């Protein structure tokens, strides 16, 4: 099973303990693990990182095609399942539901629900 990383994994690593210049081994490990077919992220996370317009955005851009997965046919039915579940939650405000359905977490959950990846 492959793992999907959320944006906060990259952002927190860069900001807190594994700066790109301080601990390049962490970032090299991410690349090696991806090349072994065990680690990915999704297009929406790539978009979030790119929006930062910093060294992390540049690092992510250098990964090339294949690291940040686009939704595929297997994921599409999961979007409906996740949407139905979120909208059925009585304790979530309409604003919270709307926000969730527009951000990367929605896509991460759907991809994991499609059964091929685990979200970290």
C-alpha atoms as a PDB file:
ATOM      1  CA  UNK A   1       0.000   0.000   0.000  1.00  0.00           C
ATOM      2  CA  UNK A   2       1.226   3.472  -0.847  1.00  0.00           C
ATOM      3  CA  UNK A   3       0.869   6.502   1.375  1.00  0.00           C
ATOM      4  CA  UNK A   4      -0.449   9.962   0.530  1.00  0.00           C
ATOM      5  CA  UNK A   5       1.017  12.979   2.277  1.00  0.00           C
ATOM      6  CA  UNK A   6      -1.043  16.003   3.217  1.00  0.00           C
ATOM      7  CA  UNK A   7       0.360  19.508   2.753  1.00  0.00           C
ATOM      8  CA  UNK A   8       0.970  19.911   6.470  1.00  0.00           C
ATOM      9  CA  UNK A   9       3.566  17.110   6.387  1.00  0.00           C
ATOM     10  CA  UNK A  10       5.682  19.109   3.950  1.00  0.00           C
ATOM     11  CA  UNK A  11       5.018  22.510   5.478  1.00  0.00           C
ATOM     12  CA  UNK A  12       5.559  21.461   9.094  1.00  0.00           C
ATOM     13  CA  UNK A  13       8.702  19.520   8.201  1.00  0.00           C
ATOM     14  CA  UNK A  14      10.160  22.548   6.446  1.00  0.00           C
ATOM     15  CA  UNK A  15       9.222  25.018   9.195  1.00  0.00           C
ATOM     16  CA  UNK A  16       9.965  22.966  12.308  1.00  0.00           C
ATOM     17  CA  UNK A  17      12.586  20.237  12.159  1.00  0.00           C
ATOM     18  CA  UNK A  18      13.582  19.302   8.622  1.00  0.00           C
ATOM     19  CA  UNK A  19      14.440  22.489   6.787  1.00  0.00           C
ATOM     20  CA  UNK A  20      15.462  21.911   3.206  1.00  0.00           C
ATOM     21  CA  UNK A  21      18.957  23.223   3.893  1.00  0.00           C
ATOM     22  CA  UNK A  22      19.278  21.785   7.410  1.00  0.00           C
ATOM     23  CA  UNK A  23      18.137  18.189   6.854  1.00  0.00           C
ATOM     24  CA  UNK A  24      18.325  17.282   3.162  1.00  0.00           C
ATOM     25  CA  UNK A  25      18.274  13.574   4.084  1.00  0.00           C
ATOM     26  CA  UNK A  26      14.571  13.843   4.968  1.00  0.00           C
ATOM     27  CA  UNK A  27      13.717  15.323   1.580  1.00  0.00           C
ATOM     28  CA  UNK A  28      15.905  12.777  -0.213  1.00  0.00           C
ATOM     29  CA  UNK A  29      14.099  10.016   1.674  1.00  0.00           C
ATOM     30  CA  UNK A  30      10.748  11.338   0.444  1.00  0.00           C
ATOM     31  CA  UNK A  31      11.993  11.195  -3.143  1.00  0.00           C
ATOM     32  CA  UNK A  32      13.471   7.694  -2.748  1.00  0.00           C
ATOM     33  CA  UNK A  33      10.320   6.378  -1.117  1.00  0.00           C
ATOM     34  CA  UNK A  34       8.243   7.858  -3.935  1.00  0.00           C
ATOM     35  CA  UNK A  35      10.476   6.273  -6.570  1.00  0.00           C
ATOM     36  CA  UNK A  36       9.971   2.925  -4.832  1.00  0.00           C
ATOM     37  CA  UNK A  37       6.210   3.407  -5.354  1.00  0.00           C
ATOM     38  CA  UNK A  38       5.348   3.853  -1.687  1.00  0.00           C
ATOM     39  CA  UNK A  39       4.781   7.578  -1.292  1.00  0.00           C
ATOM     40  CA  UNK A  40       2.747  10.165  -3.171  1.00  0.00           C
ATOM     41  CA  UNK A  41       0.633  13.209  -2.642  1.00  0.00           C
ATOM     42  CA  UNK A  42      -2.171  14.681  -4.688  1.00  0.00           C
ATOM     43  CA  UNK A  43      -2.518  17.468  -7.195  1.00  0.00           C
ATOM     44  CA  UNK A  44      -4.411  19.710  -4.752  1.00  0.00           C
ATOM     45  CA  UNK A  45      -1.565  19.440  -2.214  1.00  0.00           C
ATOM     46  CA  UNK A  46       0.891  20.323  -4.980  1.00  0.00           C
ATOM     47  CA  UNK A  47      -1.242  23.385  -5.716  1.00  0.00           C
ATOM     48  CA  UNK A  48      -1.168  24.399  -2.038  1.00  0.00           C
ATOM     49  CA  UNK A  49       2.612  24.070  -1.928  1.00  0.00           C
ATOM     50  CA  UNK A  50       3.013  26.022  -5.183  1.00  0.00           C
ATOM     51  CA  UNK A  51       0.934  28.858  -3.741  1.00  0.00           C
ATOM     52  CA  UNK A  52       3.614  29.357  -1.090  1.00  0.00           C
ATOM     53  CA  UNK A  53       6.029  30.587  -3.770  1.00  0.00           C
ATOM     54  CA  UNK A  54       9.022  29.615  -1.640  1.00  0.00           C
ATOM     55  CA  UNK A  55      11.807  27.049  -1.591  1.00  0.00           C
ATOM     56  CA  UNK A  56       9.298  24.303  -0.709  1.00  0.00           C
ATOM     57  CA  UNK A  57       7.247  25.207  -3.769  1.00  0.00           C
ATOM     58  CA  UNK A  58      10.384  24.979  -5.882  1.00  0.00           C
ATOM     59  CA  UNK A  59      11.322  21.620  -4.350  1.00  0.00           C
ATOM     60  CA  UNK A  60       7.830  20.276  -5.080  1.00  0.00           C
ATOM     61  CA  UNK A  61       7.942  21.607  -8.632  1.00  0.00           C
ATOM     62  CA  UNK A  62      11.213  19.765  -9.225  1.00  0.00           C
ATOM     63  CA  UNK A  63       9.547  16.444  -8.394  1.00  0.00           C
ATOM     64  CA  UNK A  64       7.978  16.381 -11.847  1.00  0.00           C
ATOM     65  CA  UNK A  65       5.020  14.317 -12.991  1.00  0.00           C
ATOM     66  CA  UNK A  66       3.838  11.393 -10.937  1.00  0.00           C
ATOM     67  CA  UNK A  67       4.400  12.541  -7.373  1.00  0.00           C
ATOM     68  CA  UNK A  68       1.229  14.633  -7.129  1.00  0.00           C
ATOM     69  CA  UNK A  69      -1.568  12.350  -8.313  1.00  0.00           C
ATOM     70  CA  UNK A  70      -4.583  13.615 -10.201  1.00  0.00           C
ATOM     71  CA  UNK A  71      -8.007  12.171  -9.439  1.00  0.00           C
ATOM     72  CA  UNK A  72      -8.647   9.116 -11.596  1.00  0.00           C
ATOM     73  CA  UNK A  73     -11.656   7.019 -12.529  1.00  0.00           C
ATOM     74  CA  UNK A  74     -11.311   4.865  -9.398  1.00  0.00           C
ATOM     75  CA  UNK A  75     -11.477   7.960  -7.203  1.00  0.00           C
ATOM     76  CA  UNK A  76     -14.517   9.570  -8.813  1.00  0.00           C
ATOM     77  CA  UNK A  77     -17.190   7.446  -7.043  1.00  0.00           C
ATOM     78  CA  UNK A  78     -15.473   8.146  -3.727  1.00  0.00           C
ATOM     79  CA  UNK A  79     -16.087  11.884  -4.134  1.00  0.00           C
ATOM     80  CA  UNK A  80     -19.830  11.245  -3.996  1.00  0.00           C
ATOM     81  CA  UNK A  81     -19.443   9.049  -0.922  1.00  0.00           C
ATOM     82  CA  UNK A  82     -17.367  11.655   0.919  1.00  0.00           C
ATOM     83  CA  UNK A  83     -19.708  14.492  -0.096  1.00  0.00           C
ATOM     84  CA  UNK A  84     -22.755  12.569   1.115  1.00  0.00           C
ATOM     85  CA  UNK A  85     -21.088  11.782   4.437  1.00  0.00           C
ATOM     86  CA  UNK A  86     -19.940  15.368   5.036  1.00  0.00           C
ATOM     87  CA  UNK A  87     -23.314  16.866   4.160  1.00  0.00           C
ATOM     88  CA  UNK A  88     -25.011  14.385   6.492  1.00  0.00           C
ATOM     89  CA  UNK A  89     -23.076  15.528   9.562  1.00  0.00           C
ATOM     90  CA  UNK A  90     -25.465  17.554  11.735  1.00  0.00           C
ATOM     91  CA  UNK A  91     -22.708  19.023  13.952  1.00  0.00           C
ATOM     92  CA  UNK A  92     -20.794  20.626  11.072  1.00  0.00           C
ATOM     93  CA  UNK A  93     -21.810  24.122  10.040  1.00  0.00           C
ATOM     94  CA  UNK A  94     -22.710  24.740   6.411  1.00  0.00           C
ATOM     95  CA  UNK A  95     -19.608  26.931   6.108  1.00  0.00           C
ATOM     96  CA  UNK A  96     -17.359  24.165   7.455  1.00  0.00           C
ATOM     97  CA  UNK A  97     -18.887  21.653   5.057  1.00  0.00           C
ATOM     98  CA  UNK A  98     -18.435  23.985   2.105  1.00  0.00           C
ATOM     99  CA  UNK A  99     -14.828  24.719   3.035  1.00  0.00           C
ATOM    100  CA  UNK A 100     -13.957  21.036   3.437  1.00  0.00           C
ATOM    101  CA  UNK A 101     -15.423  20.167   0.045  1.00  0.00           C
ATOM    102  CA  UNK A 102     -13.114  22.721  -1.606  1.00  0.00           C
ATOM    103  CA  UNK A 103      -9.754  21.870  -0.035  1.00  0.00           C
ATOM    104  CA  UNK A 104      -7.145  19.156  -0.486  1.00  0.00           C
ATOM    105  CA  UNK A 105      -8.377  17.119   2.490  1.00  0.00           C
ATOM    106  CA  UNK A 106     -11.542  16.267   0.572  1.00  0.00           C
ATOM    107  CA  UNK A 107      -9.448  14.869  -2.261  1.00  0.00           C
ATOM    108  CA  UNK A 108      -7.137  13.009   0.126  1.00  0.00           C
ATOM    109  CA  UNK A 109     -10.057  11.287   1.834  1.00  0.00           C
ATOM    110  CA  UNK A 110     -11.620  10.333  -1.490  1.00  0.00           C
ATOM    111  CA  UNK A 111      -8.329   8.897  -2.764  1.00  0.00           C
ATOM    112  CA  UNK A 112      -7.903   6.850   0.414  1.00  0.00           C
ATOM    113  CA  UNK A 113     -11.519   5.689   0.217  1.00  0.00           C
ATOM    114  CA  UNK A 114     -10.860   4.458  -3.304  1.00  0.00           C
ATOM    115  CA  UNK A 115      -8.721   1.887  -1.517  1.00  0.00           C
ATOM    116  CA  UNK A 116      -5.260   2.297  -2.975  1.00  0.00           C
ATOM    117  CA  UNK A 117      -3.636   4.694  -0.555  1.00  0.00           C
ATOM    118  CA  UNK A 118      -3.434   5.539   3.119  1.00  0.00           C
ATOM    119  CA  UNK A 119      -3.353   9.196   4.136  1.00  0.00           C
ATOM    120  CA  UNK A 120      -0.614  10.493   6.419  1.00  0.00           C
END
